[in-house]
Amino acid sequence: MRQFVTVAEEMHFGRAAARLNMAQPPLSQAMRRLEANMGVSLFDRAKRNVELTKAGRVFLVEARRTLLQAEVTRKMVLSAATEIPQVRISFIGPALYQVLPDVLVRFRAAVPDVHTRLFERSTPQQIQGILAGDYDVGFITNGISHAGCHSKLVERSRFVAAVPADNPLAGRDSVGMIELAGQPFILPPPKYTEQSETLNLFKSFGVVPRVEQEASQTNTTLSLVSAGLGCSLVMATAALQTFRNVVFIPLEDELPHVRWEMAMAWHPDHLTEQARNFIKIVEDHLQANPLLLDADASATGSG
């Protein structure tokens, strides 16, 4: 099945054989045997470069799914065989501002014999890792597609402006979106949906920010703000941390429906007993701290 996927991706037996580190004749024979066992033709060999038949295209989708599940199974078995039970937790930087540290304290108190392994990753990397069985639970930016995963909202925050301490805006009690658009601005790269959402927010006020820097992680963005390279919009909970030379300023414009949200994501079929316990502790933490989902309770300040 792996050989078939490789041939399908290369559309050439010679290149596929080289990629598989094997001779071409045995690979061609293996594909003939596969087709004989299936009772259908998977490849159209009439042209110089092979092409998939309709049946081959269907088989490719299912083969990839089967191989992914086989790899997930291998990882789950290896994890279960380890002497020390563990939970693998991926997260975006803002998870450390408020939610994740408190949850980890709760989890360690409840199950001190379970080891937690932490991996800081972007949301798309987390989704891919969760589906592949690399992570048990992830803390992701809500609103980014995570098909195949279950999720639960764990934090909601309003947005604030982050500006360098020596910026003329730093002494203000609040700032408007139109004013902010006139400053050098820092946004995520175009492939991240947060950028288009932020741009659309500015466009709703009839302006477009002067984008001069790009950063995919919030902590990187705040480091660039600290270096005086521009301003940005960030979640208000970022102000709970100390960032040198960064001032957080409330927005004076009414944005009742614009909120930053973080979710906890997992694959329901990949959960270990330890991961289920972790999710339960997060749910208990949310129940005990309802203000986590109250955007108006977000703190602001300066560092």
Protein backbone atom coordinates (compact mmCIF):
# COMPACT_ATOMS: atom_id res chain seq x y z
CA MET A 1 0.00 0.00 0.00
CA ARG A 2 2.88 2.36 0.76
CA GLN A 3 4.43 1.44 -2.59
CA PHE A 4 1.14 2.23 -4.35
CA VAL A 5 0.90 5.64 -2.68
CA THR A 6 4.47 6.44 -3.70
CA VAL A 7 3.82 5.49 -7.35
CA ALA A 8 0.58 7.50 -7.29
CA GLU A 9 2.41 10.55 -5.96
CA GLU A 10 5.30 10.30 -8.42
CA MET A 11 3.19 9.14 -11.39
CA HIS A 12 6.33 7.40 -12.59
CA PHE A 13 7.58 3.91 -11.67
CA GLY A 14 11.26 4.84 -12.02
CA ARG A 15 11.05 7.85 -9.70
CA ALA A 16 8.88 5.91 -7.25
CA ALA A 17 11.39 3.04 -7.17
CA ALA A 18 14.23 5.46 -6.48
CA ARG A 19 12.25 7.08 -3.69
CA LEU A 20 11.52 3.64 -2.19
CA ASN A 21 15.18 2.63 -2.57
CA MET A 22 14.31 -0.42 -4.63
CA ALA A 23 14.63 -1.62 -8.22
CA GLN A 24 11.85 -0.78 -10.67
CA PRO A 25 10.95 -4.35 -11.85
CA PRO A 26 9.97 -5.62 -8.35
CA LEU A 27 7.90 -2.46 -7.83
CA SER A 28 6.07 -2.93 -11.13
CA GLN A 29 5.44 -6.59 -10.26
CA ALA A 30 4.12 -5.61 -6.83
CA MET A 31 1.64 -3.20 -8.40
CA ARG A 32 0.51 -5.89 -10.86
CA ARG A 33 -0.11 -8.27 -7.96
CA LEU A 34 -2.02 -5.56 -6.09
CA GLU A 35 -4.28 -4.98 -9.10
CA ALA A 36 -4.78 -8.74 -9.50
CA ASN A 37 -5.77 -9.06 -5.84
CA MET A 38 -8.12 -6.09 -6.13
CA GLY A 39 -9.58 -7.30 -9.39
CA VAL A 40 -9.35 -3.81 -10.95
CA SER A 41 -6.84 -1.67 -12.81
CA LEU A 42 -5.41 1.04 -10.58
CA PHE A 43 -3.05 2.58 -13.16
CA ASP A 44 -3.44 3.66 -16.76
CA ARG A 45 -0.09 2.73 -18.29
CA ALA A 46 -0.88 3.85 -21.82
CA LYS A 47 1.19 7.02 -21.49
CA ARG A 48 4.83 7.61 -20.58
CA ASN A 49 3.86 8.81 -17.12
CA VAL A 50 1.34 6.53 -15.46
CA GLU A 51 -2.02 7.93 -14.41
CA LEU A 52 -4.55 6.71 -11.88
CA THR A 53 -7.79 5.18 -13.03
CA LYS A 54 -11.04 6.12 -11.32
CA ALA A 55 -10.63 3.08 -9.09
CA GLY A 56 -7.01 4.09 -8.44
CA ARG A 57 -8.04 7.56 -7.27
CA VAL A 58 -10.50 6.06 -4.80
CA PHE A 59 -7.89 3.57 -3.59
CA LEU A 60 -5.36 6.37 -3.08
CA VAL A 61 -7.68 8.22 -0.69
CA GLU A 62 -8.41 5.08 1.31
CA ALA A 63 -4.78 3.90 1.25
CA ARG A 64 -3.59 7.17 2.72
CA ARG A 65 -6.27 6.97 5.39
CA THR A 66 -5.31 3.38 6.22
CA LEU A 67 -1.61 4.19 6.41
CA LEU A 68 -2.31 7.19 8.66
CA GLN A 69 -4.40 5.03 10.99
CA ALA A 70 -1.68 2.37 11.03
CA GLU A 71 0.87 4.99 12.05
CA VAL A 72 -1.46 6.38 14.71
CA THR A 73 -1.96 2.86 16.04
CA ARG A 74 1.80 2.32 16.18
CA LYS A 75 2.28 5.54 18.15
CA MET A 76 -0.54 4.73 20.57
CA VAL A 77 0.87 1.25 21.20
CA LEU A 78 4.35 2.66 21.83
CA SER A 79 2.89 5.27 24.17
CA ALA A 80 0.94 2.62 26.08
CA ALA A 81 4.09 0.50 26.41
CA THR A 82 6.12 3.26 28.07
CA GLU A 83 6.77 2.78 31.76
CA ILE A 84 5.77 6.36 32.60
CA PRO A 85 2.23 7.34 31.45
CA GLN A 86 2.14 10.67 29.69
CA VAL A 87 -0.03 13.25 27.97
CA ARG A 88 1.38 15.07 24.94
CA ILE A 89 0.05 18.63 24.84
CA SER A 90 0.57 21.03 21.95
CA PHE A 91 -0.21 24.71 22.33
CA ILE A 92 -0.02 28.20 20.87
CA GLY A 93 1.92 30.82 22.82
CA PRO A 94 -1.15 32.61 24.27
CA ALA A 95 -2.17 29.39 26.05
CA LEU A 96 0.62 30.18 28.52
CA TYR A 97 -0.81 33.58 29.42
CA GLN A 98 -3.63 32.24 31.52
CA VAL A 99 -5.23 28.84 30.87
CA LEU A 100 -2.50 26.24 30.46
CA PRO A 101 -0.36 26.97 33.57
CA ASP A 102 -3.41 26.75 35.86
CA VAL A 103 -4.62 23.56 34.18
CA LEU A 104 -1.21 21.93 34.50
CA VAL A 105 -1.14 22.69 38.24
CA ARG A 106 -4.56 21.06 38.60
CA PHE A 107 -3.54 18.06 36.52
CA ARG A 108 -0.31 17.42 38.41
CA ALA A 109 -2.14 17.63 41.72
CA ALA A 110 -4.79 15.16 40.54
CA VAL A 111 -2.49 12.66 38.78
CA PRO A 112 1.10 13.26 39.89
CA ASP A 113 2.29 10.00 38.31
CA VAL A 114 1.42 11.17 34.75
CA HIS A 115 4.10 13.07 32.85
CA THR A 116 3.10 16.01 30.64
CA ARG A 117 5.08 16.75 27.48
CA LEU A 118 4.59 20.21 25.97
CA PHE A 119 5.08 21.26 22.34
CA GLU A 120 4.65 24.86 21.17
CA ARG A 121 3.25 24.72 17.63
CA SER A 122 1.12 26.82 15.28
CA THR A 123 -2.54 25.86 15.01
CA PRO A 124 -2.19 24.17 11.57
CA GLN A 125 0.80 22.17 12.84
CA GLN A 126 -1.20 21.10 15.88
CA ILE A 127 -4.16 19.91 13.82
CA GLN A 128 -1.87 17.89 11.60
CA GLY A 129 -0.09 16.44 14.64
CA ILE A 130 -3.31 15.55 16.45
CA LEU A 131 -4.65 13.74 13.39
CA ALA A 132 -1.31 11.94 12.99
CA GLY A 133 -1.25 10.85 16.63
CA ASP A 134 1.72 13.00 17.62
CA TYR A 135 -0.24 15.02 20.21
CA ASP A 136 -3.07 13.97 22.50
CA VAL A 137 -4.56 17.42 23.13
CA GLY A 138 -3.92 20.80 21.54
CA PHE A 139 -4.70 24.40 22.42
CA ILE A 140 -5.45 26.15 19.14
CA THR A 141 -6.73 29.44 17.78
CA ASN A 142 -10.47 29.00 17.44
CA GLY A 143 -11.89 29.69 13.99
CA ILE A 144 -9.11 27.97 12.05
CA SER A 145 -10.34 24.82 10.33
CA HIS A 146 -9.75 21.68 12.38
CA ALA A 147 -11.79 19.09 10.50
CA GLY A 148 -11.48 15.64 12.04
CA CYS A 149 -10.94 16.96 15.56
CA HIS A 150 -13.36 17.64 18.37
CA SER A 151 -12.93 20.95 20.17
CA LYS A 152 -14.09 22.94 23.16
CA LEU A 153 -13.82 26.69 23.65
CA VAL A 154 -11.54 27.41 26.63
CA GLU A 155 -10.85 31.16 26.48
CA ARG A 156 -12.36 34.29 24.98
CA SER A 157 -10.72 37.70 25.01
CA ARG A 158 -11.23 41.09 23.47
CA PHE A 159 -8.50 42.68 21.38
CA VAL A 160 -6.18 45.48 22.49
CA ALA A 161 -3.51 47.47 20.71
CA ALA A 162 0.11 46.58 21.49
CA VAL A 163 2.44 49.54 20.87
CA PRO A 164 6.10 50.29 21.65
CA ALA A 165 6.58 52.22 24.89
CA ASP A 166 8.23 55.11 23.01
CA ASN A 167 5.37 55.39 20.51
CA PRO A 168 3.28 58.60 20.85
CA LEU A 169 0.20 56.41 21.34
CA ALA A 170 1.69 54.76 24.45
CA GLY A 171 0.51 57.55 26.74
CA ARG A 172 -3.10 57.29 25.59
CA ASP A 173 -5.95 55.75 27.59
CA SER A 174 -7.43 54.32 24.38
CA VAL A 175 -6.86 54.33 20.64
CA GLY A 176 -9.14 54.13 17.61
CA MET A 177 -8.79 51.72 14.70
CA ILE A 178 -8.35 54.55 12.17
CA GLU A 179 -5.50 56.03 14.21
CA LEU A 180 -3.91 52.61 14.64
CA ALA A 181 -3.99 52.00 10.89
CA GLY A 182 -1.65 54.94 10.42
CA GLN A 183 1.10 53.23 12.42
CA PRO A 184 3.65 50.70 11.10
CA PHE A 185 1.79 47.43 11.65
CA ILE A 186 2.63 43.78 12.32
CA LEU A 187 0.36 41.01 10.99
CA PRO A 188 0.57 37.23 10.53
CA PRO A 189 1.63 36.00 7.06
CA PRO A 190 -1.13 35.78 4.42
CA LYS A 191 -1.56 32.01 4.86
CA TYR A 192 -2.92 32.55 8.38
CA THR A 193 -6.61 33.39 8.64
CA GLU A 194 -5.97 35.81 11.51
CA GLN A 195 -4.46 38.25 9.02
CA SER A 196 -7.53 38.43 6.82
CA GLU A 197 -9.76 38.79 9.89
CA THR A 198 -7.66 41.68 11.17
CA LEU A 199 -7.58 43.28 7.72
CA ASN A 200 -11.35 42.92 7.41
CA LEU A 201 -11.70 44.58 10.80
CA PHE A 202 -9.70 47.59 9.61
CA LYS A 203 -11.60 47.64 6.30
CA SER A 204 -14.87 47.86 8.20
CA PHE A 205 -13.61 51.27 9.35
CA GLY A 206 -12.63 52.19 5.79
CA VAL A 207 -8.85 51.92 6.34
CA VAL A 208 -6.01 49.46 5.66
CA PRO A 209 -3.04 49.18 8.06
CA ARG A 210 0.56 49.86 6.95
CA VAL A 211 1.88 46.31 7.21
CA GLU A 212 5.66 46.46 7.60
CA GLN A 213 6.41 43.20 9.46
CA GLU A 214 4.96 39.68 9.54
CA ALA A 215 4.92 37.23 12.46
CA SER A 216 2.96 34.00 12.84
CA GLN A 217 3.25 33.70 16.64
CA THR A 218 1.90 36.19 19.18
CA ASN A 219 5.09 36.13 21.24
CA THR A 220 7.11 36.90 18.11
CA THR A 221 4.74 39.75 17.31
CA LEU A 222 5.19 41.22 20.79
CA SER A 223 8.97 40.88 20.50
CA LEU A 224 8.82 42.93 17.30
CA VAL A 225 6.63 45.51 19.06
CA SER A 226 9.15 45.59 21.90
CA ALA A 227 11.91 46.31 19.36
CA GLY A 228 9.93 49.30 18.13
CA LEU A 229 9.20 47.80 14.71
CA GLY A 230 5.46 48.38 14.76
CA CYS A 231 2.11 48.03 16.46
CA SER A 232 -0.34 45.16 16.43
CA LEU A 233 -3.67 43.87 17.67
CA VAL A 234 -3.39 41.09 20.26
CA MET A 235 -5.62 39.36 22.77
CA ALA A 236 -6.08 41.32 26.00
CA THR A 237 -4.83 38.39 28.08
CA ALA A 238 -1.33 39.06 26.69
CA ALA A 239 -1.22 41.95 29.17
CA LEU A 240 -1.14 39.40 31.99
CA GLN A 241 2.51 38.79 31.03
CA THR A 242 5.42 41.20 31.21
CA PHE A 243 6.77 42.30 27.84
CA ARG A 244 9.56 44.85 28.00
CA ASN A 245 8.88 48.10 26.16
CA VAL A 246 5.32 47.10 25.22
CA VAL A 247 2.19 49.00 26.25
CA PHE A 248 -1.29 47.55 25.83
CA ILE A 249 -4.03 50.08 25.05
CA PRO A 250 -7.79 49.45 24.97
CA LEU A 251 -9.60 50.13 21.70
CA GLU A 252 -12.04 53.01 21.88
CA ASP A 253 -14.16 51.66 19.02
CA GLU A 254 -17.09 49.43 19.89
CA LEU A 255 -16.32 45.90 18.60
CA PRO A 256 -19.01 43.81 20.31
CA HIS A 257 -18.73 40.81 18.00
CA VAL A 258 -14.95 40.76 17.51
CA ARG A 259 -13.24 38.46 19.95
CA TRP A 260 -10.11 36.30 20.08
CA GLU A 261 -10.91 32.74 21.08
CA MET A 262 -8.83 29.71 21.98
CA ALA A 263 -10.08 26.14 21.86
CA MET A 264 -8.89 22.78 23.11
CA ALA A 265 -8.80 20.18 20.33
CA TRP A 266 -8.42 16.39 20.27
CA HIS A 267 -9.22 13.35 18.12
CA PRO A 268 -11.88 11.26 19.88
CA ASP A 269 -10.49 7.95 18.59
CA HIS A 270 -6.90 8.63 19.68
CA LEU A 271 -7.44 9.44 23.35
CA THR A 272 -5.62 7.53 26.06
CA GLU A 273 -6.99 7.26 29.59
CA GLN A 274 -4.52 9.96 30.67
CA ALA A 275 -5.66 12.31 27.89
CA ARG A 276 -9.30 11.80 28.86
CA ASN A 277 -8.42 12.71 32.43
CA PHE A 278 -6.66 15.85 31.21
CA ILE A 279 -9.70 16.94 29.18
CA LYS A 280 -11.94 16.35 32.21
CA ILE A 281 -9.69 18.53 34.36
CA VAL A 282 -9.81 21.30 31.75
CA GLU A 283 -13.60 21.09 31.74
CA ASP A 284 -13.67 21.29 35.55
CA HIS A 285 -11.33 24.30 35.39
CA LEU A 286 -13.65 26.07 32.96
CA GLN A 287 -16.63 25.41 35.19
CA ALA A 288 -14.77 26.85 38.17
CA ASN A 289 -13.55 29.87 36.19
CA PRO A 290 -16.43 31.15 34.02
CA LEU A 291 -14.65 34.48 33.46
CA LEU A 292 -12.29 32.71 31.04
CA LEU A 293 -15.10 32.90 28.48
CA ASP A 294 -16.14 36.43 29.45
CA ALA A 295 -14.31 38.73 27.05
CA ASP A 296 -15.15 41.82 29.08
CA ALA A 297 -13.20 40.42 32.04
CA SER A 298 -9.89 40.54 30.13
CA ALA A 299 -7.10 42.50 31.80
CA THR A 300 -5.06 45.25 30.23
CA GLY A 301 -1.90 46.96 31.36
CA SER A 302 1.68 47.65 30.37
CA GLY A 303 5.03 46.00 30.65
